Amino acid sequence: MAVIKPSLHLLTVWRLRVFLCSLLPSFLAAYFFSNTILWWVLALAIAAGFLFLYIFYFPVRWKKLTYSGNKNCLVIHCRVIYTSAKAVPFGSIQSLSIVSTPLERLFGICSLAVFMAGARIHMPGLTPVQAEELRLELEEKSREVS
């Protein structure tokens, strides 16, 4: 299995989610605490958190996210501050499912969910064709090992 990099549309989806999630606290702070010092503190905290996620965290997270495999397991490289690798042996895979949210469908991407005994791993940012090919390949390899 070759190294798979998630679609760049995933970065856009993450950024839109953080924008939509920051709107509600902003409106609530403006409604309940308008023209007070607490409103300024809340507005600055929300803006700082939004900008940190938008400019630093999500681009670095997208850059470090890769999927690959060897003859024994599926390997997912992730994390922002330090890189970690999650290895899933093919023999422990019980079920695979392709899932997508409405926002992901709008941008033409989806996620592959890998279910194991007591664990679940999502592989976001795949195109539907990539996800289906990867699902079939992982099903085949998990049947070979079992």
N, C-alpha and C. Protein backbone atom coordinates (compact mmCIF):
# COMPACT_ATOMS: atom_id res chain seq x y z
N MET A 1 0.85 -1.17 0.00
CA MET A 1 0.00 0.00 0.00
C MET A 1 0.89 1.24 0.00
N ALA A 2 0.60 2.15 -0.89
CA ALA A 2 1.38 3.38 -1.00
C ALA A 2 0.97 4.37 0.08
N VAL A 3 1.79 5.38 0.25
CA VAL A 3 1.48 6.44 1.21
C VAL A 3 0.35 7.29 0.64
N ILE A 4 -0.69 7.50 1.44
CA ILE A 4 -1.85 8.29 1.02
C ILE A 4 -1.90 9.57 1.84
N LYS A 5 -1.98 10.68 1.15
CA LYS A 5 -2.11 11.99 1.79
C LYS A 5 -3.56 12.43 1.67
N PRO A 6 -4.17 12.95 2.75
CA PRO A 6 -5.56 13.40 2.64
C PRO A 6 -5.72 14.58 1.68
N SER A 7 -6.92 14.72 1.17
CA SER A 7 -7.24 15.80 0.24
C SER A 7 -7.10 17.16 0.93
N LEU A 8 -6.73 18.16 0.15
CA LEU A 8 -6.61 19.52 0.68
C LEU A 8 -7.97 20.08 1.10
N HIS A 9 -9.05 19.51 0.57
CA HIS A 9 -10.40 19.94 0.96
C HIS A 9 -10.66 19.67 2.44
N LEU A 10 -9.94 18.70 3.02
CA LEU A 10 -10.10 18.42 4.45
C LEU A 10 -9.71 19.63 5.28
N LEU A 11 -8.66 20.33 4.89
CA LEU A 11 -8.25 21.54 5.60
C LEU A 11 -9.35 22.59 5.56
N THR A 12 -10.00 22.73 4.42
CA THR A 12 -11.11 23.68 4.29
C THR A 12 -12.27 23.29 5.18
N VAL A 13 -12.58 21.99 5.23
CA VAL A 13 -13.68 21.52 6.08
C VAL A 13 -13.37 21.80 7.54
N TRP A 14 -12.16 21.52 8.00
CA TRP A 14 -11.78 21.80 9.39
C TRP A 14 -11.90 23.29 9.69
N ARG A 15 -11.44 24.13 8.77
CA ARG A 15 -11.50 25.57 8.99
C ARG A 15 -12.94 26.07 9.03
N LEU A 16 -13.80 25.55 8.17
CA LEU A 16 -15.21 25.95 8.21
C LEU A 16 -15.87 25.51 9.51
N ARG A 17 -15.53 24.33 9.99
CA ARG A 17 -16.10 23.86 11.26
C ARG A 17 -15.70 24.77 12.42
N VAL A 18 -14.44 25.16 12.48
CA VAL A 18 -14.01 26.01 13.59
C VAL A 18 -14.64 27.40 13.45
N PHE A 19 -14.86 27.88 12.24
CA PHE A 19 -15.53 29.16 12.04
C PHE A 19 -16.97 29.08 12.53
N LEU A 20 -17.68 28.03 12.12
CA LEU A 20 -19.07 27.89 12.54
C LEU A 20 -19.18 27.69 14.05
N CYS A 21 -18.25 26.96 14.64
CA CYS A 21 -18.28 26.73 16.09
C CYS A 21 -17.90 27.98 16.89
N SER A 22 -17.19 28.91 16.28
CA SER A 22 -16.83 30.13 17.01
C SER A 22 -17.92 31.21 16.90
N LEU A 23 -18.86 31.04 15.98
CA LEU A 23 -19.92 32.04 15.83
C LEU A 23 -20.85 32.08 17.04
N LEU A 24 -21.27 30.93 17.52
CA LEU A 24 -22.22 30.90 18.64
C LEU A 24 -21.65 31.54 19.91
N PRO A 25 -20.44 31.18 20.36
CA PRO A 25 -19.91 31.88 21.53
C PRO A 25 -19.74 33.38 21.31
N SER A 26 -19.40 33.77 20.10
CA SER A 26 -19.24 35.20 19.81
C SER A 26 -20.57 35.94 19.96
N PHE A 27 -21.62 35.38 19.38
CA PHE A 27 -22.94 36.03 19.48
C PHE A 27 -23.47 36.03 20.91
N LEU A 28 -23.24 34.94 21.64
CA LEU A 28 -23.70 34.89 23.03
C LEU A 28 -22.95 35.91 23.89
N ALA A 29 -21.65 36.03 23.67
CA ALA A 29 -20.88 37.01 24.42
C ALA A 29 -21.33 38.43 24.10
N ALA A 30 -21.60 38.69 22.83
CA ALA A 30 -22.06 40.03 22.44
C ALA A 30 -23.46 40.31 22.99
N TYR A 31 -24.31 39.32 23.04
CA TYR A 31 -25.68 39.52 23.50
C TYR A 31 -25.75 39.76 25.01
N PHE A 32 -25.01 38.94 25.76
CA PHE A 32 -25.12 39.02 27.22
C PHE A 32 -24.17 40.03 27.86
N PHE A 33 -23.04 40.29 27.25
CA PHE A 33 -22.02 41.13 27.88
C PHE A 33 -21.62 42.32 27.01
N SER A 34 -22.50 42.86 26.22
CA SER A 34 -22.13 43.95 25.32
C SER A 34 -21.71 45.19 26.12
N ASN A 35 -20.69 45.86 25.60
CA ASN A 35 -20.16 47.10 26.18
C ASN A 35 -19.66 46.95 27.61
N THR A 36 -19.10 45.81 27.92
CA THR A 36 -18.45 45.63 29.22
C THR A 36 -17.04 45.11 28.98
N ILE A 37 -16.25 45.13 30.02
CA ILE A 37 -14.88 44.63 29.91
C ILE A 37 -14.87 43.12 29.70
N LEU A 38 -15.86 42.42 30.24
CA LEU A 38 -15.96 40.97 30.05
C LEU A 38 -16.18 40.63 28.57
N TRP A 39 -16.94 41.46 27.86
CA TRP A 39 -17.15 41.22 26.44
C TRP A 39 -15.84 41.30 25.68
N TRP A 40 -15.01 42.29 26.01
CA TRP A 40 -13.72 42.43 25.34
C TRP A 40 -12.81 41.24 25.62
N VAL A 41 -12.83 40.76 26.86
CA VAL A 41 -12.00 39.60 27.21
C VAL A 41 -12.47 38.37 26.45
N LEU A 42 -13.78 38.13 26.44
CA LEU A 42 -14.32 36.98 25.73
C LEU A 42 -14.08 37.08 24.22
N ALA A 43 -14.27 38.25 23.66
CA ALA A 43 -14.06 38.44 22.22
C ALA A 43 -12.60 38.18 21.84
N LEU A 44 -11.68 38.68 22.65
CA LEU A 44 -10.25 38.44 22.37
C LEU A 44 -9.88 36.97 22.52
N ALA A 45 -10.45 36.30 23.53
CA ALA A 45 -10.16 34.87 23.73
C ALA A 45 -10.70 34.04 22.57
N ILE A 46 -11.91 34.33 22.14
CA ILE A 46 -12.50 33.59 21.02
C ILE A 46 -11.71 33.85 19.74
N ALA A 47 -11.35 35.10 19.50
CA ALA A 47 -10.58 35.45 18.30
C ALA A 47 -9.19 34.80 18.32
N ALA A 48 -8.54 34.79 19.48
CA ALA A 48 -7.21 34.18 19.58
C ALA A 48 -7.29 32.67 19.35
N GLY A 49 -8.28 32.03 19.93
CA GLY A 49 -8.45 30.59 19.72
C GLY A 49 -8.75 30.27 18.26
N PHE A 50 -9.61 31.05 17.64
CA PHE A 50 -9.95 30.84 16.24
C PHE A 50 -8.72 31.00 15.35
N LEU A 51 -7.97 32.08 15.55
CA LEU A 51 -6.80 32.32 14.72
C LEU A 51 -5.72 31.27 14.93
N PHE A 52 -5.53 30.81 16.17
CA PHE A 52 -4.56 29.76 16.42
C PHE A 52 -4.92 28.49 15.65
N LEU A 53 -6.18 28.07 15.73
CA LEU A 53 -6.61 26.87 15.02
C LEU A 53 -6.54 27.05 13.52
N TYR A 54 -6.98 28.19 13.03
CA TYR A 54 -7.08 28.46 11.59
C TYR A 54 -5.71 28.59 10.94
N ILE A 55 -4.79 29.30 11.59
CA ILE A 55 -3.50 29.60 10.97
C ILE A 55 -2.43 28.56 11.29
N PHE A 56 -2.41 28.03 12.50
CA PHE A 56 -1.32 27.13 12.90
C PHE A 56 -1.74 25.67 12.99
N TYR A 57 -2.71 25.37 13.84
CA TYR A 57 -3.00 23.98 14.21
C TYR A 57 -3.48 23.12 13.03
N PHE A 58 -4.52 23.57 12.33
CA PHE A 58 -5.08 22.75 11.25
C PHE A 58 -4.13 22.56 10.07
N PRO A 59 -3.40 23.58 9.60
CA PRO A 59 -2.43 23.32 8.52
C PRO A 59 -1.33 22.34 8.91
N VAL A 60 -0.83 22.44 10.14
CA VAL A 60 0.21 21.50 10.58
C VAL A 60 -0.37 20.10 10.73
N ARG A 61 -1.58 20.01 11.25
CA ARG A 61 -2.24 18.70 11.40
C ARG A 61 -2.46 18.05 10.04
N TRP A 62 -2.90 18.83 9.05
CA TRP A 62 -3.11 18.29 7.72
C TRP A 62 -1.79 17.86 7.09
N LYS A 63 -0.74 18.65 7.30
CA LYS A 63 0.55 18.34 6.70
C LYS A 63 1.13 17.04 7.25
N LYS A 64 0.93 16.77 8.53
CA LYS A 64 1.51 15.58 9.15
C LYS A 64 0.66 14.32 9.00
N LEU A 65 -0.59 14.45 8.56
CA LEU A 65 -1.50 13.31 8.47
C LEU A 65 -1.23 12.51 7.19
N THR A 66 -0.83 11.25 7.35
CA THR A 66 -0.62 10.34 6.22
C THR A 66 -1.08 8.95 6.61
N TYR A 67 -1.44 8.19 5.58
CA TYR A 67 -1.85 6.80 5.77
C TYR A 67 -0.95 5.94 4.90
N SER A 68 -0.47 4.84 5.46
CA SER A 68 0.35 3.91 4.69
C SER A 68 0.17 2.51 5.27
N GLY A 69 0.81 1.58 4.69
CA GLY A 69 0.70 0.22 5.18
C GLY A 69 1.92 -0.58 4.79
N ASN A 70 2.14 -1.64 5.52
CA ASN A 70 3.18 -2.59 5.17
C ASN A 70 2.52 -3.96 5.06
N LYS A 71 3.28 -5.02 5.09
CA LYS A 71 2.69 -6.34 4.89
C LYS A 71 1.89 -6.81 6.10
N ASN A 72 2.07 -6.19 7.27
CA ASN A 72 1.39 -6.65 8.48
C ASN A 72 0.31 -5.72 9.02
N CYS A 73 0.43 -4.43 8.75
CA CYS A 73 -0.50 -3.50 9.40
C CYS A 73 -0.69 -2.21 8.61
N LEU A 74 -1.76 -1.52 8.99
CA LEU A 74 -2.08 -0.19 8.48
C LEU A 74 -1.45 0.81 9.45
N VAL A 75 -0.74 1.81 8.92
CA VAL A 75 -0.05 2.79 9.76
C VAL A 75 -0.60 4.18 9.44
N ILE A 76 -1.00 4.89 10.50
CA ILE A 76 -1.52 6.25 10.36
C ILE A 76 -0.59 7.18 11.14
N HIS A 77 0.03 8.11 10.43
CA HIS A 77 0.91 9.10 11.06
C HIS A 77 0.09 10.35 11.31
N CYS A 78 0.13 10.85 12.55
CA CYS A 78 -0.70 12.00 12.90
C CYS A 78 -0.06 12.77 14.05
N ARG A 79 -0.76 13.72 14.59
CA ARG A 79 -0.42 14.59 15.71
C ARG A 79 0.25 15.87 15.23
N VAL A 80 0.23 16.88 16.08
CA VAL A 80 0.74 18.19 15.70
C VAL A 80 2.07 18.50 16.38
N ILE A 81 2.10 18.43 17.68
CA ILE A 81 3.32 18.80 18.41
C ILE A 81 4.42 17.77 18.19
N TYR A 82 4.08 16.51 18.32
CA TYR A 82 5.02 15.44 18.03
C TYR A 82 4.30 14.45 17.13
N THR A 83 5.05 13.79 16.27
CA THR A 83 4.44 12.85 15.34
C THR A 83 4.29 11.49 16.02
N SER A 84 3.10 10.92 15.90
CA SER A 84 2.90 9.58 16.41
C SER A 84 2.37 8.71 15.28
N ALA A 85 2.56 7.43 15.42
CA ALA A 85 2.09 6.48 14.42
C ALA A 85 1.16 5.49 15.11
N LYS A 86 -0.02 5.35 14.53
CA LYS A 86 -0.98 4.36 15.02
C LYS A 86 -0.91 3.19 14.06
N ALA A 87 -0.61 2.02 14.57
CA ALA A 87 -0.50 0.82 13.74
C ALA A 87 -1.67 -0.10 14.05
N VAL A 88 -2.36 -0.51 13.01
CA VAL A 88 -3.50 -1.41 13.15
C VAL A 88 -3.18 -2.70 12.42
N PRO A 89 -2.96 -3.80 13.14
CA PRO A 89 -2.71 -5.06 12.46
C PRO A 89 -3.93 -5.47 11.63
N PHE A 90 -3.68 -6.00 10.44
CA PHE A 90 -4.78 -6.38 9.56
C PHE A 90 -5.68 -7.44 10.19
N GLY A 91 -5.11 -8.30 11.01
CA GLY A 91 -5.89 -9.36 11.65
C GLY A 91 -6.89 -8.86 12.68
N SER A 92 -6.68 -7.67 13.20
CA SER A 92 -7.58 -7.15 14.23
C SER A 92 -8.73 -6.32 13.67
N ILE A 93 -8.72 -6.06 12.37
CA ILE A 93 -9.79 -5.28 11.75
C ILE A 93 -11.05 -6.13 11.69
N GLN A 94 -12.14 -5.62 12.28
CA GLN A 94 -13.40 -6.34 12.28
C GLN A 94 -14.37 -5.79 11.24
N SER A 95 -14.37 -4.48 11.05
CA SER A 95 -15.33 -3.87 10.14
C SER A 95 -14.77 -2.57 9.59
N LEU A 96 -15.21 -2.23 8.38
CA LEU A 96 -14.80 -0.99 7.73
C LEU A 96 -16.04 -0.28 7.23
N SER A 97 -16.06 1.04 7.37
CA SER A 97 -17.23 1.80 6.95
C SER A 97 -16.78 3.14 6.38
N ILE A 98 -17.44 3.55 5.30
CA ILE A 98 -17.17 4.86 4.71
C ILE A 98 -18.24 5.82 5.22
N VAL A 99 -17.82 6.89 5.87
CA VAL A 99 -18.75 7.86 6.45
C VAL A 99 -18.38 9.26 5.97
N SER A 100 -19.40 10.14 5.94
CA SER A 100 -19.14 11.53 5.60
C SER A 100 -20.23 12.40 6.20
N THR A 101 -19.84 13.57 6.61
CA THR A 101 -20.78 14.56 7.11
C THR A 101 -21.30 15.37 5.92
N PRO A 102 -22.38 16.13 6.11
CA PRO A 102 -22.87 16.95 4.99
C PRO A 102 -21.82 17.94 4.48
N LEU A 103 -21.02 18.50 5.36
CA LEU A 103 -19.99 19.44 4.94
C LEU A 103 -18.91 18.73 4.12
N GLU A 104 -18.54 17.50 4.54
CA GLU A 104 -17.56 16.73 3.77
C GLU A 104 -18.12 16.35 2.40
N ARG A 105 -19.40 15.98 2.34
CA ARG A 105 -20.02 15.65 1.06
C ARG A 105 -20.03 16.85 0.13
N LEU A 106 -20.22 18.04 0.68
CA LEU A 106 -20.21 19.26 -0.12
C LEU A 106 -18.87 19.46 -0.82
N PHE A 107 -17.79 19.07 -0.16
CA PHE A 107 -16.44 19.22 -0.72
C PHE A 107 -15.94 17.95 -1.40
N GLY A 108 -16.75 16.90 -1.45
CA GLY A 108 -16.38 15.69 -2.16
C GLY A 108 -15.37 14.82 -1.47
N ILE A 109 -15.37 14.82 -0.14
CA ILE A 109 -14.47 13.94 0.60
C ILE A 109 -15.27 13.10 1.59
N CYS A 110 -14.63 12.09 2.14
CA CYS A 110 -15.27 11.25 3.14
C CYS A 110 -14.19 10.67 4.05
N SER A 111 -14.62 9.90 5.04
CA SER A 111 -13.70 9.27 5.98
C SER A 111 -13.89 7.77 5.94
N LEU A 112 -12.84 7.05 6.20
CA LEU A 112 -12.92 5.61 6.33
C LEU A 112 -12.78 5.28 7.80
N ALA A 113 -13.79 4.63 8.36
CA ALA A 113 -13.77 4.24 9.77
C ALA A 113 -13.33 2.78 9.85
N VAL A 114 -12.30 2.52 10.62
CA VAL A 114 -11.78 1.17 10.82
C VAL A 114 -12.15 0.76 12.24
N PHE A 115 -12.95 -0.30 12.36
CA PHE A 115 -13.41 -0.78 13.66
C PHE A 115 -12.65 -2.03 14.05
N MET A 116 -12.16 -2.03 15.31
CA MET A 116 -11.47 -3.18 15.88
C MET A 116 -12.11 -3.48 17.22
N ALA A 117 -11.70 -4.55 17.84
CA ALA A 117 -12.24 -4.88 19.16
C ALA A 117 -11.80 -3.81 20.16
N GLY A 118 -12.75 -3.02 20.64
CA GLY A 118 -12.46 -2.00 21.64
C GLY A 118 -11.86 -0.72 21.10
N ALA A 119 -11.78 -0.54 19.80
CA ALA A 119 -11.16 0.67 19.25
C ALA A 119 -11.76 1.01 17.90
N ARG A 120 -11.59 2.28 17.52
CA ARG A 120 -12.06 2.77 16.23
C ARG A 120 -11.11 3.86 15.78
N ILE A 121 -10.76 3.84 14.52
CA ILE A 121 -9.88 4.85 13.95
C ILE A 121 -10.55 5.43 12.71
N HIS A 122 -10.55 6.75 12.61
CA HIS A 122 -11.08 7.42 11.43
C HIS A 122 -9.92 7.89 10.57
N MET A 123 -10.08 7.72 9.27
CA MET A 123 -9.09 8.20 8.31
C MET A 123 -9.77 9.26 7.45
N PRO A 124 -9.73 10.54 7.87
CA PRO A 124 -10.46 11.58 7.14
C PRO A 124 -9.73 12.06 5.89
N GLY A 125 -10.49 12.75 5.03
CA GLY A 125 -9.89 13.44 3.90
C GLY A 125 -9.69 12.61 2.65
N LEU A 126 -10.35 11.47 2.54
CA LEU A 126 -10.21 10.63 1.36
C LEU A 126 -11.31 10.96 0.36
N THR A 127 -11.00 10.85 -0.90
CA THR A 127 -12.05 10.97 -1.91
C THR A 127 -12.88 9.69 -1.86
N PRO A 128 -14.13 9.71 -2.31
CA PRO A 128 -14.93 8.48 -2.28
C PRO A 128 -14.29 7.30 -3.02
N VAL A 129 -13.61 7.58 -4.12
CA VAL A 129 -12.94 6.51 -4.87
C VAL A 129 -11.78 5.94 -4.06
N GLN A 130 -10.97 6.82 -3.47
CA GLN A 130 -9.86 6.36 -2.62
C GLN A 130 -10.37 5.55 -1.45
N ALA A 131 -11.43 6.02 -0.81
CA ALA A 131 -11.98 5.33 0.36
C ALA A 131 -12.49 3.95 -0.01
N GLU A 132 -13.17 3.83 -1.12
CA GLU A 132 -13.69 2.52 -1.54
C GLU A 132 -12.55 1.57 -1.90
N GLU A 133 -11.54 2.06 -2.62
CA GLU A 133 -10.38 1.22 -2.95
C GLU A 133 -9.65 0.77 -1.70
N LEU A 134 -9.45 1.69 -0.76
CA LEU A 134 -8.76 1.35 0.48
C LEU A 134 -9.59 0.39 1.32
N ARG A 135 -10.90 0.57 1.35
CA ARG A 135 -11.77 -0.35 2.09
C ARG A 135 -11.68 -1.77 1.53
N LEU A 136 -11.74 -1.89 0.21
CA LEU A 136 -11.64 -3.22 -0.41
C LEU A 136 -10.28 -3.86 -0.16
N GLU A 137 -9.22 -3.05 -0.25
CA GLU A 137 -7.87 -3.57 -0.01
C GLU A 137 -7.70 -4.03 1.44
N LEU A 138 -8.21 -3.24 2.38
CA LEU A 138 -8.09 -3.63 3.79
C LEU A 138 -8.95 -4.85 4.11
N GLU A 139 -10.14 -4.95 3.51
CA GLU A 139 -10.97 -6.13 3.72
C GLU A 139 -10.27 -7.38 3.20
N GLU A 140 -9.65 -7.27 2.04
CA GLU A 140 -8.95 -8.40 1.46
C GLU A 140 -7.78 -8.83 2.34
N LYS A 141 -7.00 -7.87 2.81
CA LYS A 141 -5.85 -8.19 3.65
C LYS A 141 -6.28 -8.74 5.00
N SER A 142 -7.38 -8.25 5.56
CA SER A 142 -7.84 -8.77 6.85
C SER A 142 -8.37 -10.19 6.71
N ARG A 143 -8.96 -10.52 5.55
CA ARG A 143 -9.41 -11.90 5.31
C ARG A 143 -8.22 -12.85 5.12
N GLU A 144 -7.16 -12.36 4.46
CA GLU A 144 -5.98 -13.19 4.25
C GLU A 144 -5.30 -13.57 5.57
N VAL A 145 -5.25 -12.61 6.48
CA VAL A 145 -4.59 -12.83 7.77
C VAL A 145 -5.41 -13.75 8.67
N SER A 146 -6.74 -13.60 8.62
CA SER A 146 -7.60 -14.38 9.51
C SER A 146 -7.63 -15.83 9.21
